[in-house]
Amino acid sequence: MPPSGPAGLRMGSSRATFFESVQAHTDVASVRGIGLSLIGLAATEVAEHRPENALRIAAAAEVYAQEEGIAVIYTEDTPGREFVDQAHAALPADAVARLTEAGRKLTIKEALDLARTPQTAPA
């Protein structure tokens, strides 16, 4: 279940910030920057207990982050990567492989739609 109270507000704020980052990179036609922003959206999916979505979005992010474009980089590490690593650890290897392959085929729009889809974790 997604966090509620102050944690839920912060998560919503984080999600909005990553969507704003995607838009900013779209405005300057930076596919690389969009890809890096998608990693943050994947991290929010993990924090909201949706590891399957996280892995699909992260796989798409990796594809797009290799493309041309400018991006603001604050650290050598990709922020959010540790959350995606948690999603990898939470699922069986065959599921990780299947979700990663599916994610690599997502368009940017499909990855963003997946990050926008309100879903709840299975009980």
N, C-alpha and C. Protein backbone atom coordinates (compact mmCIF):
# COMPACT_ATOMS: atom_id res chain seq x y z
N MET A 1 0.84 -1.17 0.00
CA MET A 1 0.00 0.00 0.00
C MET A 1 0.89 1.24 0.00
N PRO A 2 0.57 2.25 -0.78
CA PRO A 2 1.38 3.46 -0.81
C PRO A 2 1.43 4.13 0.56
N PRO A 3 2.53 4.80 0.87
CA PRO A 3 2.64 5.47 2.15
C PRO A 3 1.57 6.56 2.29
N SER A 4 1.13 6.75 3.54
CA SER A 4 0.17 7.82 3.80
C SER A 4 0.80 8.82 4.75
N GLY A 5 0.07 9.88 5.08
CA GLY A 5 0.59 10.89 5.99
C GLY A 5 1.76 11.63 5.37
N PRO A 6 2.69 12.12 6.21
CA PRO A 6 3.84 12.89 5.70
C PRO A 6 4.69 12.12 4.70
N ALA A 7 4.87 10.80 4.92
CA ALA A 7 5.67 10.01 3.97
C ALA A 7 5.00 9.97 2.61
N GLY A 8 3.69 9.85 2.59
CA GLY A 8 2.96 9.84 1.33
C GLY A 8 3.04 11.18 0.62
N LEU A 9 3.00 12.26 1.38
CA LEU A 9 3.13 13.59 0.79
C LEU A 9 4.51 13.77 0.16
N ARG A 10 5.56 13.31 0.85
CA ARG A 10 6.91 13.41 0.31
C ARG A 10 7.04 12.57 -0.95
N MET A 11 6.44 11.37 -0.95
CA MET A 11 6.53 10.51 -2.12
C MET A 11 5.82 11.16 -3.30
N GLY A 12 4.66 11.74 -3.06
CA GLY A 12 3.96 12.43 -4.13
C GLY A 12 4.76 13.59 -4.66
N SER A 13 5.42 14.29 -3.76
CA SER A 13 6.27 15.41 -4.15
C SER A 13 7.46 14.92 -4.96
N SER A 14 8.05 13.81 -4.56
CA SER A 14 9.18 13.23 -5.30
C SER A 14 8.74 12.84 -6.70
N ARG A 15 7.62 12.17 -6.78
CA ARG A 15 7.09 11.73 -8.08
C ARG A 15 6.88 12.96 -8.98
N ALA A 16 6.26 14.01 -8.43
CA ALA A 16 6.01 15.23 -9.21
C ALA A 16 7.33 15.84 -9.68
N THR A 17 8.33 15.84 -8.83
CA THR A 17 9.63 16.40 -9.19
C THR A 17 10.26 15.63 -10.34
N PHE A 18 10.15 14.31 -10.32
CA PHE A 18 10.72 13.52 -11.41
C PHE A 18 9.95 13.74 -12.72
N PHE A 19 8.63 13.89 -12.63
CA PHE A 19 7.87 14.22 -13.84
C PHE A 19 8.26 15.59 -14.38
N GLU A 20 8.51 16.55 -13.48
CA GLU A 20 8.98 17.87 -13.92
C GLU A 20 10.34 17.77 -14.60
N SER A 21 11.19 16.90 -14.07
CA SER A 21 12.50 16.70 -14.67
C SER A 21 12.37 16.10 -16.07
N VAL A 22 11.46 15.14 -16.23
CA VAL A 22 11.21 14.58 -17.56
C VAL A 22 10.78 15.69 -18.51
N GLN A 23 9.87 16.54 -18.06
CA GLN A 23 9.38 17.62 -18.92
C GLN A 23 10.50 18.59 -19.28
N ALA A 24 11.34 18.93 -18.33
CA ALA A 24 12.44 19.84 -18.60
C ALA A 24 13.39 19.25 -19.64
N HIS A 25 13.68 17.96 -19.52
CA HIS A 25 14.56 17.32 -20.49
C HIS A 25 13.87 17.14 -21.84
N THR A 26 12.56 16.99 -21.83
CA THR A 26 11.81 16.93 -23.09
C THR A 26 11.90 18.28 -23.79
N ASP A 27 11.78 19.35 -23.01
CA ASP A 27 11.83 20.70 -23.57
C ASP A 27 13.15 20.99 -24.29
N VAL A 28 14.24 20.38 -23.83
CA VAL A 28 15.54 20.59 -24.48
C VAL A 28 15.94 19.40 -25.35
N ALA A 29 14.99 18.52 -25.60
CA ALA A 29 15.20 17.36 -26.48
C ALA A 29 16.35 16.47 -26.02
N SER A 30 16.45 16.24 -24.71
CA SER A 30 17.50 15.38 -24.16
C SER A 30 16.93 14.02 -23.78
N VAL A 31 17.05 13.08 -24.69
CA VAL A 31 16.58 11.72 -24.42
C VAL A 31 17.37 11.13 -23.25
N ARG A 32 18.65 11.43 -23.19
CA ARG A 32 19.48 10.95 -22.07
C ARG A 32 18.94 11.46 -20.74
N GLY A 33 18.62 12.74 -20.68
CA GLY A 33 18.08 13.31 -19.44
C GLY A 33 16.75 12.70 -19.06
N ILE A 34 15.92 12.41 -20.05
CA ILE A 34 14.64 11.74 -19.77
C ILE A 34 14.91 10.38 -19.15
N GLY A 35 15.86 9.65 -19.73
CA GLY A 35 16.19 8.34 -19.19
C GLY A 35 16.65 8.41 -17.75
N LEU A 36 17.51 9.37 -17.45
CA LEU A 36 17.98 9.52 -16.06
C LEU A 36 16.84 9.89 -15.12
N SER A 37 15.91 10.70 -15.59
CA SER A 37 14.74 11.07 -14.77
C SER A 37 13.83 9.86 -14.52
N LEU A 38 13.76 8.98 -15.50
CA LEU A 38 12.93 7.78 -15.34
C LEU A 38 13.44 6.89 -14.21
N ILE A 39 14.75 6.90 -13.96
CA ILE A 39 15.29 6.12 -12.83
C ILE A 39 14.64 6.59 -11.53
N GLY A 40 14.48 7.90 -11.38
CA GLY A 40 13.83 8.43 -10.18
C GLY A 40 12.39 7.96 -10.07
N LEU A 41 11.70 7.93 -11.21
CA LEU A 41 10.31 7.43 -11.18
C LEU A 41 10.29 5.94 -10.82
N ALA A 42 11.26 5.20 -11.30
CA ALA A 42 11.35 3.77 -10.93
C ALA A 42 11.56 3.64 -9.42
N ALA A 43 12.38 4.50 -8.85
CA ALA A 43 12.62 4.46 -7.40
C ALA A 43 11.34 4.73 -6.63
N THR A 44 10.51 5.65 -7.11
CA THR A 44 9.25 5.92 -6.40
C THR A 44 8.33 4.71 -6.47
N GLU A 45 8.39 3.97 -7.58
CA GLU A 45 7.59 2.75 -7.69
C GLU A 45 8.01 1.72 -6.64
N VAL A 46 9.31 1.60 -6.41
CA VAL A 46 9.80 0.67 -5.38
C VAL A 46 9.31 1.13 -4.01
N ALA A 47 9.46 2.42 -3.73
CA ALA A 47 9.05 2.96 -2.43
C ALA A 47 7.56 2.78 -2.19
N GLU A 48 6.79 2.70 -3.27
CA GLU A 48 5.35 2.51 -3.16
C GLU A 48 4.96 1.04 -3.35
N HIS A 49 5.94 0.16 -3.21
CA HIS A 49 5.72 -1.29 -3.20
C HIS A 49 5.20 -1.83 -4.53
N ARG A 50 5.77 -1.32 -5.63
CA ARG A 50 5.43 -1.83 -6.96
C ARG A 50 6.72 -2.19 -7.70
N PRO A 51 7.41 -3.25 -7.24
CA PRO A 51 8.70 -3.59 -7.85
C PRO A 51 8.61 -3.98 -9.32
N GLU A 52 7.49 -4.56 -9.73
CA GLU A 52 7.34 -4.93 -11.14
C GLU A 52 7.37 -3.70 -12.03
N ASN A 53 6.60 -2.69 -11.67
CA ASN A 53 6.61 -1.43 -12.42
C ASN A 53 8.00 -0.82 -12.39
N ALA A 54 8.62 -0.85 -11.23
CA ALA A 54 9.96 -0.26 -11.09
C ALA A 54 10.94 -0.88 -12.07
N LEU A 55 10.91 -2.20 -12.18
CA LEU A 55 11.87 -2.86 -13.07
C LEU A 55 11.60 -2.55 -14.54
N ARG A 56 10.34 -2.47 -14.92
CA ARG A 56 10.01 -2.11 -16.30
C ARG A 56 10.50 -0.69 -16.61
N ILE A 57 10.17 0.24 -15.72
CA ILE A 57 10.56 1.64 -15.92
C ILE A 57 12.08 1.78 -15.91
N ALA A 58 12.75 1.09 -14.99
CA ALA A 58 14.21 1.17 -14.90
C ALA A 58 14.88 0.62 -16.16
N ALA A 59 14.32 -0.44 -16.72
CA ALA A 59 14.89 -1.00 -17.95
C ALA A 59 14.75 0.00 -19.10
N ALA A 60 13.60 0.63 -19.19
CA ALA A 60 13.41 1.66 -20.22
C ALA A 60 14.38 2.82 -19.96
N ALA A 61 14.53 3.20 -18.71
CA ALA A 61 15.43 4.29 -18.35
C ALA A 61 16.86 4.01 -18.80
N GLU A 62 17.31 2.80 -18.60
CA GLU A 62 18.67 2.43 -18.99
C GLU A 62 18.88 2.58 -20.50
N VAL A 63 17.88 2.20 -21.26
CA VAL A 63 17.97 2.33 -22.72
C VAL A 63 18.09 3.80 -23.10
N TYR A 64 17.19 4.62 -22.56
CA TYR A 64 17.17 6.03 -22.94
C TYR A 64 18.34 6.82 -22.35
N ALA A 65 18.84 6.43 -21.21
CA ALA A 65 19.98 7.13 -20.59
C ALA A 65 21.26 6.97 -21.41
N GLN A 66 21.30 6.00 -22.31
CA GLN A 66 22.47 5.80 -23.17
C GLN A 66 22.42 6.67 -24.42
N GLU A 67 21.31 7.34 -24.65
CA GLU A 67 21.14 8.16 -25.85
C GLU A 67 21.83 9.51 -25.70
N GLU A 68 21.77 10.29 -26.78
CA GLU A 68 22.36 11.62 -26.80
C GLU A 68 21.54 12.59 -25.95
N GLY A 69 22.19 13.59 -25.44
CA GLY A 69 21.48 14.64 -24.74
C GLY A 69 22.24 15.14 -23.54
N ILE A 70 21.81 16.30 -23.08
CA ILE A 70 22.41 16.89 -21.89
C ILE A 70 21.64 16.44 -20.66
N ALA A 71 22.29 16.45 -19.55
CA ALA A 71 21.65 16.11 -18.28
C ALA A 71 22.45 16.75 -17.16
N VAL A 72 21.75 17.19 -16.16
CA VAL A 72 22.40 17.73 -14.98
C VAL A 72 22.74 16.55 -14.08
N ILE A 73 24.01 16.38 -13.80
CA ILE A 73 24.48 15.26 -12.99
C ILE A 73 25.06 15.82 -11.69
N TYR A 74 24.47 15.42 -10.57
CA TYR A 74 24.93 15.90 -9.27
C TYR A 74 25.87 14.93 -8.58
N THR A 75 25.88 13.69 -9.05
CA THR A 75 26.70 12.67 -8.41
C THR A 75 27.09 11.64 -9.45
N GLU A 76 28.16 10.92 -9.19
CA GLU A 76 28.58 9.86 -10.10
C GLU A 76 27.62 8.67 -10.06
N ASP A 77 26.98 8.48 -8.92
CA ASP A 77 26.01 7.40 -8.77
C ASP A 77 24.68 7.86 -9.32
N THR A 78 23.91 6.93 -9.83
CA THR A 78 22.58 7.27 -10.31
C THR A 78 21.63 7.27 -9.11
N PRO A 79 21.11 8.44 -8.73
CA PRO A 79 20.17 8.46 -7.61
C PRO A 79 18.97 7.56 -7.90
N GLY A 80 18.59 6.80 -6.92
CA GLY A 80 17.46 5.90 -7.09
C GLY A 80 17.87 4.48 -7.44
N ARG A 81 19.11 4.31 -7.86
CA ARG A 81 19.58 2.98 -8.27
C ARG A 81 19.44 1.96 -7.13
N GLU A 82 19.72 2.41 -5.89
CA GLU A 82 19.63 1.47 -4.76
C GLU A 82 18.20 0.96 -4.58
N PHE A 83 17.21 1.78 -4.90
CA PHE A 83 15.82 1.32 -4.82
C PHE A 83 15.53 0.28 -5.89
N VAL A 84 16.04 0.51 -7.08
CA VAL A 84 15.84 -0.45 -8.17
C VAL A 84 16.53 -1.77 -7.81
N ASP A 85 17.70 -1.68 -7.17
CA ASP A 85 18.38 -2.90 -6.72
C ASP A 85 17.52 -3.67 -5.72
N GLN A 86 16.78 -2.96 -4.88
CA GLN A 86 15.86 -3.62 -3.95
C GLN A 86 14.77 -4.38 -4.70
N ALA A 87 14.28 -3.80 -5.78
CA ALA A 87 13.26 -4.47 -6.59
C ALA A 87 13.82 -5.74 -7.21
N HIS A 88 15.08 -5.68 -7.68
CA HIS A 88 15.74 -6.87 -8.23
C HIS A 88 15.79 -7.97 -7.18
N ALA A 89 16.15 -7.60 -5.96
CA ALA A 89 16.30 -8.58 -4.89
C ALA A 89 14.96 -9.14 -4.41
N ALA A 90 13.89 -8.38 -4.59
CA ALA A 90 12.58 -8.79 -4.07
C ALA A 90 11.86 -9.80 -4.97
N LEU A 91 12.32 -9.93 -6.20
CA LEU A 91 11.61 -10.78 -7.16
C LEU A 91 12.49 -11.94 -7.62
N PRO A 92 11.86 -13.04 -8.05
CA PRO A 92 12.63 -14.17 -8.58
C PRO A 92 13.37 -13.77 -9.87
N ALA A 93 14.49 -14.40 -10.12
CA ALA A 93 15.33 -14.06 -11.27
C ALA A 93 14.58 -14.14 -12.59
N ASP A 94 13.70 -15.12 -12.74
CA ASP A 94 12.96 -15.23 -14.01
C ASP A 94 12.01 -14.05 -14.20
N ALA A 95 11.41 -13.59 -13.12
CA ALA A 95 10.52 -12.42 -13.20
C ALA A 95 11.32 -11.17 -13.53
N VAL A 96 12.50 -11.03 -12.91
CA VAL A 96 13.36 -9.87 -13.19
C VAL A 96 13.73 -9.85 -14.67
N ALA A 97 14.11 -11.00 -15.20
CA ALA A 97 14.50 -11.08 -16.61
C ALA A 97 13.32 -10.73 -17.52
N ARG A 98 12.16 -11.25 -17.23
CA ARG A 98 10.96 -11.01 -18.04
C ARG A 98 10.58 -9.53 -17.99
N LEU A 99 10.56 -8.94 -16.80
CA LEU A 99 10.17 -7.53 -16.64
C LEU A 99 11.20 -6.60 -17.28
N THR A 100 12.47 -6.94 -17.16
CA THR A 100 13.52 -6.13 -17.75
C THR A 100 13.41 -6.14 -19.27
N GLU A 101 13.19 -7.30 -19.83
CA GLU A 101 13.04 -7.40 -21.29
C GLU A 101 11.83 -6.60 -21.76
N ALA A 102 10.73 -6.71 -21.05
CA ALA A 102 9.53 -5.94 -21.41
C ALA A 102 9.79 -4.44 -21.28
N GLY A 103 10.49 -4.04 -20.25
CA GLY A 103 10.79 -2.63 -20.03
C GLY A 103 11.67 -2.03 -21.11
N ARG A 104 12.60 -2.82 -21.62
CA ARG A 104 13.49 -2.32 -22.68
C ARG A 104 12.74 -1.98 -23.95
N LYS A 105 11.56 -2.52 -24.11
CA LYS A 105 10.76 -2.29 -25.31
C LYS A 105 9.78 -1.12 -25.16
N LEU A 106 9.69 -0.55 -23.96
CA LEU A 106 8.75 0.55 -23.73
C LEU A 106 9.19 1.82 -24.43
N THR A 107 8.22 2.53 -24.97
CA THR A 107 8.50 3.88 -25.45
C THR A 107 8.58 4.78 -24.21
N ILE A 108 9.07 5.99 -24.40
CA ILE A 108 9.10 6.93 -23.28
C ILE A 108 7.68 7.17 -22.77
N LYS A 109 6.73 7.36 -23.68
CA LYS A 109 5.34 7.58 -23.28
C LYS A 109 4.80 6.40 -22.47
N GLU A 110 5.09 5.19 -22.90
CA GLU A 110 4.61 4.01 -22.18
C GLU A 110 5.22 3.93 -20.78
N ALA A 111 6.50 4.25 -20.66
CA ALA A 111 7.15 4.24 -19.35
C ALA A 111 6.54 5.30 -18.44
N LEU A 112 6.27 6.48 -18.99
CA LEU A 112 5.65 7.54 -18.20
C LEU A 112 4.22 7.17 -17.81
N ASP A 113 3.48 6.56 -18.72
CA ASP A 113 2.12 6.12 -18.41
C ASP A 113 2.14 5.09 -17.29
N LEU A 114 3.10 4.19 -17.32
CA LEU A 114 3.22 3.18 -16.28
C LEU A 114 3.50 3.84 -14.92
N ALA A 115 4.32 4.88 -14.93
CA ALA A 115 4.64 5.59 -13.69
C ALA A 115 3.44 6.42 -13.19
N ARG A 116 2.54 6.78 -14.10
CA ARG A 116 1.36 7.57 -13.71
C ARG A 116 0.21 6.71 -13.26
N THR A 117 0.20 5.44 -13.60
CA THR A 117 -0.93 4.57 -13.31
C THR A 117 -1.03 4.32 -11.81
N PRO A 118 -2.12 4.77 -11.20
CA PRO A 118 -2.28 4.49 -9.77
C PRO A 118 -2.65 3.03 -9.56
N GLN A 119 -1.79 2.35 -8.86
CA GLN A 119 -2.02 0.94 -8.56
C GLN A 119 -1.68 0.71 -7.09
N THR A 120 -2.17 -0.35 -6.57
CA THR A 120 -1.82 -0.70 -5.19
C THR A 120 -1.10 -2.02 -5.20
N ALA A 121 -0.24 -2.20 -4.23
CA ALA A 121 0.49 -3.45 -4.12
C ALA A 121 -0.46 -4.56 -3.71
N PRO A 122 -0.19 -5.79 -4.19
CA PRO A 122 -1.02 -6.91 -3.76
C PRO A 122 -0.90 -7.12 -2.25
N ALA A 123 -1.98 -7.50 -1.63
CA ALA A 123 -1.97 -7.71 -0.17
C ALA A 123 -1.32 -9.02 0.19
